[in-house]
Structure formats: C-alpha cells, structure tokens
C-alpha atoms as a PDB file:
ATOM      1  CA  MET A   1      -0.086   0.102   0.082  1.00  0.00           C
ATOM      2  CA  ASN A   2       2.689   2.250   0.926  1.00  0.00           C
ATOM      3  CA  THR A   3       4.456   1.847  -2.365  1.00  0.00           C
ATOM      4  CA  ILE A   4       1.471   2.674  -4.350  1.00  0.00           C
ATOM      5  CA  VAL A   5       1.032   5.916  -2.448  1.00  0.00           C
ATOM      6  CA  ASN A   6       4.742   6.691  -2.723  1.00  0.00           C
ATOM      7  CA  PHE A   7       4.800   6.144  -6.329  1.00  0.00           C
ATOM      8  CA  THR A   8       1.399   8.103  -6.951  1.00  0.00           C
ATOM      9  CA  ARG A   9       2.941  11.082  -5.100  1.00  0.00           C
ATOM     10  CA  PHE A  10       6.247  10.967  -7.056  1.00  0.00           C
ATOM     11  CA  LEU A  11       4.089  10.693 -10.323  1.00  0.00           C
ATOM     12  CA  GLY A  12       2.133  13.713  -9.396  1.00  0.00           C
ATOM     13  CA  ARG A  13       5.108  15.646  -8.168  1.00  0.00           C
ATOM     14  CA  ARG A  14       6.726  15.007 -11.483  1.00  0.00           C
ATOM     15  CA  THR A  15       3.781  15.918 -13.389  1.00  0.00           C
ATOM     16  CA  LEU A  16       3.471  19.345 -11.651  1.00  0.00           C
ATOM     17  CA  ILE A  17       7.208  19.989 -12.194  1.00  0.00           C
ATOM     18  CA  ASN A  18       6.743  19.232 -15.965  1.00  0.00           C
ATOM     19  CA  ILE A  19       3.625  21.450 -16.230  1.00  0.00           C
ATOM     20  CA  ARG A  20       5.607  24.201 -14.606  1.00  0.00           C
ATOM     21  CA  HIS A  21       8.791  23.929 -16.786  1.00  0.00           C
ATOM     22  CA  LEU A  22       6.480  23.895 -19.729  1.00  0.00           C
ATOM     23  CA  GLY A  23       4.459  26.810 -18.648  1.00  0.00           C
ATOM     24  CA  ARG A  24       7.886  28.718 -18.130  1.00  0.00           C
ATOM     25  CA  ALA A  25       9.229  27.900 -21.410  1.00  0.00           C
ATOM     26  CA  TRP A  26       6.027  29.408 -23.191  1.00  0.00           C
ATOM     27  CA  PHE A  27       6.362  32.513 -21.068  1.00  0.00           C
ATOM     28  CA  PHE A  28      10.071  32.590 -22.549  1.00  0.00           C
ATOM     29  CA  LEU A  29       8.818  32.223 -26.066  1.00  0.00           C
ATOM     30  CA  ILE A  30       6.113  34.758 -25.736  1.00  0.00           C
ATOM     31  CA  THR A  31       8.477  37.269 -24.062  1.00  0.00           C
ATOM     32  CA  SER A  32      11.310  36.706 -26.576  1.00  0.00           C
ATOM     33  CA  PHE A  33       8.576  37.542 -29.166  1.00  0.00           C
ATOM     34  CA  LEU A  34       7.334  40.725 -27.755  1.00  0.00           C
ATOM     35  CA  TYR A  35      10.957  42.154 -27.711  1.00  0.00           C
ATOM     36  CA  LEU A  36      11.002  41.689 -31.424  1.00  0.00           C
ATOM     37  CA  PHE A  37       8.389  44.648 -31.677  1.00  0.00           C
ATOM     38  CA  ILE A  38       9.260  46.579 -28.825  1.00  0.00           C
ATOM     39  CA  PRO A  39      12.161  49.655 -29.501  1.00  0.00           C
ATOM     40  CA  PRO A  40      14.762  50.146 -28.920  1.00  0.00           C
ATOM     41  CA  PHE A  41      16.104  47.586 -31.328  1.00  0.00           C
ATOM     42  CA  LYS A  42      19.656  46.225 -31.045  1.00  0.00           C
ATOM     43  CA  PHE A  43      20.684  45.889 -34.764  1.00  0.00           C
ATOM     44  CA  SER A  44      24.064  45.051 -34.375  1.00  0.00           C
ATOM     45  CA  ARG A  45      23.297  42.302 -31.866  1.00  0.00           C
ATOM     46  CA  TRP A  46      20.811  40.860 -34.579  1.00  0.00           C
ATOM     47  CA  LEU A  47      23.412  41.227 -37.226  1.00  0.00           C
ATOM     48  CA  LYS A  48      26.062  39.670 -35.173  1.00  0.00           C
ATOM     49  CA  GLN A  49      23.643  36.660 -34.384  1.00  0.00           C
ATOM     50  CA  ILE A  50      22.833  36.234 -38.177  1.00  0.00           C
ATOM     51  CA  ARG A  51      26.393  35.894 -38.795  1.00  0.00           C
ATOM     52  CA  PHE A  52      26.991  33.401 -35.892  1.00  0.00           C
ATOM     53  CA  ILE A  53      23.832  31.086 -36.791  1.00  0.00           C
ATOM     54  CA  GLY A  54      23.674  31.764 -40.323  1.00  0.00           C
ATOM     55  CA  THR A  55      27.183  32.610 -42.110  1.00  0.00           C
ATOM     56  CA  ASN A  56      29.192  30.153 -39.890  1.00  0.00           C
ATOM     57  CA  SER A  57      26.687  27.381 -40.446  1.00  0.00           C
ATOM     58  CA  THR A  58      27.011  27.456 -44.393  1.00  0.00           C
ATOM     59  CA  LEU A  59      29.909  25.159 -45.111  1.00  0.00           C
ATOM     60  CA  ILE A  60      28.394  22.221 -43.125  1.00  0.00           C
ATOM     61  CA  VAL A  61      25.167  23.012 -44.599  1.00  0.00           C
ATOM     62  CA  PHE A  62      26.843  22.909 -47.891  1.00  0.00           C
ATOM     63  CA  LEU A  63      28.555  19.690 -47.559  1.00  0.00           C
ATOM     64  CA  THR A  64      25.593  17.970 -46.031  1.00  0.00           C
ATOM     65  CA  SER A  65      23.332  18.796 -48.790  1.00  0.00           C
ATOM     66  CA  PHE A  66      25.708  18.031 -51.628  1.00  0.00           C
ATOM     67  CA  PHE A  67      26.301  14.684 -50.292  1.00  0.00           C
ATOM     68  CA  THR A  68      22.678  14.094 -49.490  1.00  0.00           C
ATOM     69  CA  GLY A  69      21.559  14.621 -53.054  1.00  0.00           C
ATOM     70  CA  ALA A  70      24.110  12.668 -54.382  1.00  0.00           C
ATOM     71  CA  VAL A  71      23.076   9.637 -52.419  1.00  0.00           C
ATOM     72  CA  LEU A  72      19.466  10.427 -53.190  1.00  0.00           C
ATOM     73  CA  GLY A  73      20.198  10.548 -57.046  1.00  0.00           C
ATOM     74  CA  TYR A  74      22.488   7.491 -56.925  1.00  0.00           C
ATOM     75  CA  HIS A  75      19.828   5.279 -55.026  1.00  0.00           C
ATOM     76  CA  GLY A  76      17.020   6.812 -56.874  1.00  0.00           C
ATOM     77  CA  PHE A  77      18.719   6.245 -60.438  1.00  0.00           C
ATOM     78  CA  PHE A  78      18.743   2.363 -59.875  1.00  0.00           C
ATOM     79  CA  THR A  79      15.461   2.105 -57.846  1.00  0.00           C
ATOM     80  CA  LEU A  80      13.487   3.808 -60.948  1.00  0.00           C
ATOM     81  CA  LYS A  81      15.506   2.070 -63.497  1.00  0.00           C
ATOM     82  CA  LYS A  82      13.654  -0.843 -62.539  1.00  0.00           C
ATOM     83  CA  PHE A  83      10.541   0.490 -63.654  1.00  0.00           C
ATOM     84  CA  GLY A  84      11.777   2.204 -66.682  1.00  0.00           C
ATOM     85  CA  ALA A  85      11.189   5.651 -65.023  1.00  0.00           C
ATOM     86  CA  GLU A  86      14.618   7.171 -64.905  1.00  0.00           C
ATOM     87  CA  GLY A  87      12.931  10.405 -66.293  1.00  0.00           C
ATOM     88  CA  PHE A  88      11.398  11.081 -63.126  1.00  0.00           C
ATOM     89  CA  LEU A  89      14.567  11.205 -61.068  1.00  0.00           C
ATOM     90  CA  GLY A  90      15.131  14.917 -61.062  1.00  0.00           C
ATOM     91  CA  ALA A  91      11.716  15.427 -59.791  1.00  0.00           C
ATOM     92  CA  THR A  92      12.106  12.566 -57.058  1.00  0.00           C
ATOM     93  CA  VAL A  93      15.525  14.196 -55.997  1.00  0.00           C
ATOM     94  CA  SER A  94      13.901  18.023 -55.930  1.00  0.00           C
ATOM     95  CA  LEU A  95      10.963  17.061 -53.915  1.00  0.00           C
ATOM     96  CA  SER A  96      12.365  14.852 -51.353  1.00  0.00           C
ATOM     97  CA  LEU A  97      14.880  17.691 -50.877  1.00  0.00           C
ATOM     98  CA  ILE A  98      12.579  20.727 -51.126  1.00  0.00           C
ATOM     99  CA  ARG A  99       9.656  18.997 -49.092  1.00  0.00           C
ATOM    100  CA  GLU A 100      11.062  17.308 -46.338  1.00  0.00           C
ATOM    101  CA  LEU A 101      15.011  16.602 -46.184  1.00  0.00           C
ATOM    102  CA  GLY A 102      16.099  20.056 -46.809  1.00  0.00           C
ATOM    103  CA  PRO A 103      14.323  21.750 -43.841  1.00  0.00           C
ATOM    104  CA  VAL A 104      14.776  18.908 -41.627  1.00  0.00           C
ATOM    105  CA  LEU A 105      18.477  17.931 -42.103  1.00  0.00           C
ATOM    106  CA  SER A 106      19.578  21.920 -42.334  1.00  0.00           C
ATOM    107  CA  ALA A 107      17.731  22.206 -39.134  1.00  0.00           C
ATOM    108  CA  LEU A 108      19.471  19.510 -37.520  1.00  0.00           C
ATOM    109  CA  MET A 109      22.944  20.500 -38.532  1.00  0.00           C
ATOM    110  CA  ILE A 110      22.470  24.064 -37.481  1.00  0.00           C
ATOM    111  CA  THR A 111      21.206  22.551 -33.931  1.00  0.00           C
ATOM    112  CA  GLY A 112      24.203  20.582 -33.693  1.00  0.00           C
ATOM    113  CA  ARG A 113      26.606  23.611 -34.530  1.00  0.00           C
ATOM    114  CA  ALA A 114      25.009  26.634 -33.433  1.00  0.00           C
ATOM    115  CA  GLY A 115      22.324  25.565 -31.095  1.00  0.00           C
ATOM    116  CA  SER A 116      24.886  23.753 -28.706  1.00  0.00           C
ATOM    117  CA  ALA A 117      26.981  26.758 -28.910  1.00  0.00           C
ATOM    118  CA  LEU A 118      24.076  29.123 -27.984  1.00  0.00           C
ATOM    119  CA  ALA A 119      23.094  27.004 -24.954  1.00  0.00           C
ATOM    120  CA  SER A 120      26.551  26.723 -23.503  1.00  0.00           C
ATOM    121  CA  GLU A 121      27.357  30.083 -23.965  1.00  0.00           C
ATOM    122  CA  ILE A 122      24.211  31.467 -22.383  1.00  0.00           C
ATOM    123  CA  GLY A 123      24.841  28.931 -19.550  1.00  0.00           C
ATOM    124  CA  ILE A 124      27.945  30.244 -18.853  1.00  0.00           C
ATOM    125  CA  MET A 125      26.564  33.570 -18.778  1.00  0.00           C
ATOM    126  CA  ARG A 126      24.165  32.331 -16.287  1.00  0.00           C
ATOM    127  CA  ILE A 127      26.834  30.549 -14.033  1.00  0.00           C
ATOM    128  CA  SER A 128      29.051  33.489 -14.213  1.00  0.00           C
ATOM    129  CA  GLU A 129      26.365  35.851 -13.130  1.00  0.00           C
ATOM    130  CA  GLN A 130      26.675  37.952 -16.216  1.00  0.00           C
ATOM    131  CA  LEU A 131      23.022  37.895 -16.512  1.00  0.00           C
ATOM    132  CA  ASP A 132      22.435  38.946 -13.199  1.00  0.00           C
ATOM    133  CA  SER A 133      24.794  41.661 -13.470  1.00  0.00           C
ATOM    134  CA  MET A 134      22.782  42.774 -16.757  1.00  0.00           C
ATOM    135  CA  GLU A 135      19.416  42.734 -14.441  1.00  0.00           C
ATOM    136  CA  ILE A 136      21.241  44.937 -11.923  1.00  0.00           C
ATOM    137  CA  MET A 137      22.115  47.568 -14.481  1.00  0.00           C
ATOM    138  CA  ALA A 138      18.704  47.660 -15.798  1.00  0.00           C
ATOM    139  CA  LEU A 139      19.692  45.874 -18.917  1.00  0.00           C
ATOM    140  CA  ASN A 140      16.932  43.290 -20.278  1.00  0.00           C
ATOM    141  CA  PRO A 141      18.564  40.149 -21.038  1.00  0.00           C
ATOM    142  CA  PHE A 142      15.982  39.137 -23.697  1.00  0.00           C
ATOM    143  CA  ARG A 143      16.402  42.295 -25.600  1.00  0.00           C
ATOM    144  CA  TYR A 144      20.112  41.875 -25.863  1.00  0.00           C
ATOM    145  CA  ILE A 145      20.750  38.245 -25.631  1.00  0.00           C
ATOM    146  CA  ILE A 146      17.570  36.190 -26.291  1.00  0.00           C
ATOM    147  CA  THR A 147      15.556  38.113 -29.007  1.00  0.00           C
ATOM    148  CA  PRO A 148      18.523  38.637 -31.311  1.00  0.00           C
ATOM    149  CA  ASN A 149      18.953  34.664 -31.419  1.00  0.00           C
ATOM    150  CA  LEU A 150      15.344  34.044 -32.190  1.00  0.00           C
ATOM    151  CA  PHE A 151      15.140  36.752 -34.994  1.00  0.00           C
ATOM    152  CA  ALA A 152      18.674  35.456 -36.530  1.00  0.00           C
ATOM    153  CA  GLY A 153      16.830  31.773 -36.326  1.00  0.00           C
ATOM    154  CA  ILE A 154      13.927  32.750 -38.242  1.00  0.00           C
ATOM    155  CA  PHE A 155      16.046  35.018 -40.728  1.00  0.00           C
ATOM    156  CA  THR A 156      18.656  32.643 -41.629  1.00  0.00           C
ATOM    157  CA  PHE A 157      16.999  28.886 -41.391  1.00  0.00           C
ATOM    158  CA  PRO A 158      15.006  29.505 -44.698  1.00  0.00           C
ATOM    159  CA  LEU A 159      18.133  31.163 -46.177  1.00  0.00           C
ATOM    160  CA  LEU A 160      20.406  27.774 -45.251  1.00  0.00           C
ATOM    161  CA  CYS A 161      17.226  25.642 -46.353  1.00  0.00           C
ATOM    162  CA  SER A 162      17.297  27.092 -49.819  1.00  0.00           C
ATOM    163  CA  ILE A 163      20.865  26.627 -49.998  1.00  0.00           C
ATOM    164  CA  PHE A 164      20.343  23.107 -48.682  1.00  0.00           C
ATOM    165  CA  ASP A 165      17.868  22.300 -51.582  1.00  0.00           C
ATOM    166  CA  VAL A 166      20.129  24.005 -54.534  1.00  0.00           C
ATOM    167  CA  VAL A 167      23.327  22.348 -53.649  1.00  0.00           C
ATOM    168  CA  GLY A 168      21.590  19.190 -53.051  1.00  0.00           C
ATOM    169  CA  ILE A 169      19.632  19.139 -56.581  1.00  0.00           C
ATOM    170  CA  PHE A 170      23.043  20.047 -58.068  1.00  0.00           C
ATOM    171  CA  GLY A 171      24.652  17.041 -56.305  1.00  0.00           C
ATOM    172  CA  GLY A 172      22.288  14.625 -57.420  1.00  0.00           C
ATOM    173  CA  TYR A 173      22.505  15.883 -60.836  1.00  0.00           C
ATOM    174  CA  LEU A 174      26.613  15.550 -60.768  1.00  0.00           C
ATOM    175  CA  ILE A 175      25.775  11.772 -60.065  1.00  0.00           C
ATOM    176  CA  CYS A 176      23.000  10.988 -62.266  1.00  0.00           C
ATOM    177  CA  SER A 177      24.330  12.936 -65.652  1.00  0.00           C
ATOM    178  CA  LYS A 178      28.008  12.652 -65.247  1.00  0.00           C
ATOM    179  CA  MET A 179      28.591   9.216 -63.493  1.00  0.00           C
ATOM    180  CA  LEU A 180      25.659   7.318 -64.326  1.00  0.00           C
ATOM    181  CA  GLY A 181      24.854   8.824 -67.917  1.00  0.00           C
ATOM    182  CA  LEU A 182      21.357  10.346 -67.382  1.00  0.00           C
ATOM    183  CA  ALA A 183      20.976  12.950 -69.786  1.00  0.00           C
ATOM    184  CA  SER A 184      20.554  16.654 -68.323  1.00  0.00           C
ATOM    185  CA  GLY A 185      17.572  17.465 -70.161  1.00  0.00           C
ATOM    186  CA  GLU A 186      15.663  14.626 -68.216  1.00  0.00           C
ATOM    187  CA  TYR A 187      16.749  15.511 -65.015  1.00  0.00           C
ATOM    188  CA  PHE A 188      15.868  19.227 -64.977  1.00  0.00           C
ATOM    189  CA  GLY A 189      12.893  18.611 -67.452  1.00  0.00           C
ATOM    190  CA  SER A 190      11.184  16.718 -64.712  1.00  0.00           C
ATOM    191  CA  ILE A 191      12.035  19.268 -62.025  1.00  0.00           C
ATOM    192  CA  ARG A 192      10.503  22.059 -64.140  1.00  0.00           C
ATOM    193  CA  ASN A 193       7.123  19.725 -64.766  1.00  0.00           C
ATOM    194  CA  TYR A 194       6.464  18.508 -61.453  1.00  0.00           C
ATOM    195  CA  VAL A 195       8.309  21.005 -58.812  1.00  0.00           C
ATOM    196  CA  GLU A 196       5.695  23.576 -57.919  1.00  0.00           C
ATOM    197  CA  PHE A 197       6.081  27.035 -55.828  1.00  0.00           C
ATOM    198  CA  LYS A 198       3.783  25.411 -53.198  1.00  0.00           C
ATOM    199  CA  ASP A 199       6.419  22.701 -52.753  1.00  0.00           C
ATOM    200  CA  VAL A 200       9.273  25.625 -51.978  1.00  0.00           C
ATOM    201  CA  TYR A 201       6.749  27.364 -49.940  1.00  0.00           C
ATOM    202  CA  ILE A 202       5.935  24.615 -47.763  1.00  0.00           C
ATOM    203  CA  GLY A 203       9.769  23.849 -47.216  1.00  0.00           C
ATOM    204  CA  LEU A 204      10.272  27.307 -46.275  1.00  0.00           C
ATOM    205  CA  TYR A 205       7.474  27.371 -43.753  1.00  0.00           C
ATOM    206  CA  LYS A 206       9.038  24.569 -42.328  1.00  0.00           C
ATOM    207  CA  SER A 207      12.505  25.869 -41.908  1.00  0.00           C
ATOM    208  CA  ILE A 208      10.959  28.980 -40.109  1.00  0.00           C
ATOM    209  CA  CYS A 209       9.249  26.943 -37.557  1.00  0.00           C
ATOM    210  CA  PHE A 210      12.048  24.951 -37.107  1.00  0.00           C
ATOM    211  CA  GLY A 211      14.460  28.311 -36.469  1.00  0.00           C
ATOM    212  CA  ILE A 212      11.889  29.290 -33.899  1.00  0.00           C
ATOM    213  CA  ILE A 213      11.932  25.824 -32.032  1.00  0.00           C
ATOM    214  CA  VAL A 214      15.608  25.630 -32.169  1.00  0.00           C
ATOM    215  CA  THR A 215      16.724  29.146 -30.910  1.00  0.00           C
ATOM    216  CA  TRP A 216      13.795  28.773 -28.335  1.00  0.00           C
ATOM    217  CA  ILE A 217      14.685  25.646 -26.725  1.00  0.00           C
ATOM    218  CA  CYS A 218      18.522  26.344 -26.812  1.00  0.00           C
ATOM    219  CA  CYS A 219      18.102  29.774 -25.269  1.00  0.00           C
ATOM    220  CA  TYR A 220      15.506  28.397 -22.626  1.00  0.00           C
ATOM    221  CA  LYS A 221      17.864  25.569 -21.493  1.00  0.00           C
ATOM    222  CA  GLY A 222      20.862  27.864 -21.527  1.00  0.00           C
ATOM    223  CA  PHE A 223      18.947  30.566 -19.657  1.00  0.00           C
ATOM    224  CA  TYR A 224      17.946  28.500 -17.101  1.00  0.00           C
ATOM    225  CA  THR A 225      20.873  26.144 -16.609  1.00  0.00           C
ATOM    226  CA  GLY A 226      21.909  24.747 -13.371  1.00  0.00           C
ATOM    227  CA  TYR A 227      25.127  25.994 -11.808  1.00  0.00           C
ATOM    228  CA  GLY A 228      28.574  24.435 -12.287  1.00  0.00           C
ATOM    229  CA  ALA A 229      30.214  22.776 -15.481  1.00  0.00           C
ATOM    230  CA  GLU A 230      28.009  19.949 -15.008  1.00  0.00           C
ATOM    231  CA  GLY A 231      24.826  22.102 -15.081  1.00  0.00           C
ATOM    232  CA  VAL A 232      25.868  23.661 -18.425  1.00  0.00           C
ATOM    233  CA  SER A 233      26.948  20.488 -20.057  1.00  0.00           C
ATOM    234  CA  LYS A 234      23.527  19.004 -18.954  1.00  0.00           C
ATOM    235  CA  ALA A 235      21.477  22.012 -20.493  1.00  0.00           C
ATOM    236  CA  THR A 236      23.439  21.767 -23.593  1.00  0.00           C
ATOM    237  CA  THR A 237      22.898  18.220 -23.911  1.00  0.00           C
ATOM    238  CA  GLN A 238      19.117  18.791 -23.257  1.00  0.00           C
ATOM    239  CA  ALA A 239      19.049  21.743 -25.595  1.00  0.00           C
ATOM    240  CA  VAL A 240      20.159  19.587 -28.667  1.00  0.00           C
ATOM    241  CA  VAL A 241      18.170  16.396 -28.098  1.00  0.00           C
ATOM    242  CA  ILE A 242      14.889  18.293 -27.162  1.00  0.00           C
ATOM    243  CA  SER A 243      15.367  20.586 -30.516  1.00  0.00           C
ATOM    244  CA  SER A 244      16.239  17.527 -32.590  1.00  0.00           C
ATOM    245  CA  VAL A 245      13.202  15.696 -31.492  1.00  0.00           C
ATOM    246  CA  LEU A 246      11.040  18.498 -31.675  1.00  0.00           C
ATOM    247  CA  ILE A 247      12.241  19.169 -35.166  1.00  0.00           C
ATOM    248  CA  LEU A 248      11.279  15.468 -36.465  1.00  0.00           C
ATOM    249  CA  ILE A 249       7.830  15.566 -34.438  1.00  0.00           C
ATOM    250  CA  GLY A 250       7.132  19.323 -35.870  1.00  0.00           C
ATOM    251  CA  ASN A 251       7.860  17.926 -39.159  1.00  0.00           C
ATOM    252  CA  TYR A 252       5.444  15.151 -38.998  1.00  0.00           C
ATOM    253  CA  PHE A 253       2.606  17.578 -37.822  1.00  0.00           C
ATOM    254  CA  LEU A 254       3.485  20.336 -40.530  1.00  0.00           C
ATOM    255  CA  THR A 255       3.528  17.865 -43.195  1.00  0.00           C
ATOM    256  CA  SER A 256      -0.023  16.374 -42.249  1.00  0.00           C
ATOM    257  CA  VAL A 257      -1.342  20.159 -41.888  1.00  0.00           C
ATOM    258  CA  LEU A 258       0.405  21.725 -45.031  1.00  0.00           C
ATOM    259  CA  PHE A 259      -0.230  18.538 -47.280  1.00  0.00           C
END
C-alpha cells in the first residue's frame, strides 16, 4: 500500500514539475517574441547573431546537402531504372529535398553546430552571473541576448534551407548525369514539370518553424541552466536532444497540415 502511495506522489510531483517547466518555456517564448517589436532594437546584436547562426553554418550545410543529394540521385537512379522511370529522377530528388530533407537536415545540422553553442554560451553567462549583472544594471537580457538569437533563427533558417535544396539538387545532377549517364534534359525537365512553387513555400514554412524551435529551446535551456560545469553540459545536451526531437515531431505535424 505504501509503495502505491509513494509512487502516486512521485508521479504527481513529476507531473507538476513538468507542467511548471512547460509554462515557463511558453512564457519565455512569448516574451522573446514581444521584444522583436518593442524598441529600441539592437540591430548590431541581430546582425552578429545572423553571422553566428547563419554565415558560420553555411559550410556544414553545403557539404551535407551536396552528399545528401548525391546519395538520393544514386539510389534513386537504380530504383527507378527497374521500372523504366529514370526520367522522373530529377523530380524525385528535388521534391524529397525541398519538401522534407532540406528543412529537416539543415535544421539538425544548425542545431548541432549553433544550437549547442548558444545553450552553452548563455549557460556560462548564467553561472558566471553575467545575466544577473545585466539585470542589476537595468539591461534586459531578453532584448540583448535572447531576441537577437530568435530573429537570427527566423531569418537564417529559410536561407540555409534554400542553399541546402539548391546544392542538393546539383549534387544529384552531378551523380546522375556525369557518372550514371542520365541526360541533363531529362533531369531538369522533370523538375520543371513536377516541382511547384507550393512545394518551395512549404519547405520554407517548415524551416521558419524549425528556426523558432531551435533558438527557443537552446536559449531557454541555457537561460535556466544549473550551476557549475555539470549544469552547463547537461543543459547543452538537453537543448540539442530536445530540439532535434521537436524538429522531427514538428515535421510530421507540419507535413500533415500543409499537405
């Protein structure tokens, strides 16, 4: 009997703690959004974070997209060849990248490179009492630290997703045309016939949502990190894992709604 009572208490306590964390996270996101529209705007900070999240992530997105498109083209060629449908290869690679792989993989790569750095940087600012010092000097941490990252995520994720799509399609073209002998006209002709602007818009909408998710979770985990090196490392790990899982879950629901 005591075991059941203790388990019920533990379950209730954990549920209340999780509800409190969830409410605080939503309040954190809403507050961050509000400072996007409340002057004065710290444009220098915004540009700095765009460079940090976007420009510095370009190389890893470029490499990932090229080889993703190459693998899609390689396997797609031999799969479609069994049915005599090699002419649809360009559309297959393009739609796979534009609708799904481009937004998801680019977001995951940015999370691993920039998201982890954001969580650890803000976490170190917390344990070294820099955030407390800002509040004492009447400087709002959301205006100077959180909101620039949120804006940078919304701005850079669609751009990096577009780079991922273009480079991936070109990588598939090189493999299919230069190595496997598919005619260039067949590859790009199917893209022109079957890829619509709606597909591009859907991919960009997804990347905007992923940009909000990644910057939100990583900044939140860093902002409320535990003290000490262990707290920062734990917050960074949780930020990357939760962001990655939410990207995959969000992709499913966005696909269900948008399609």
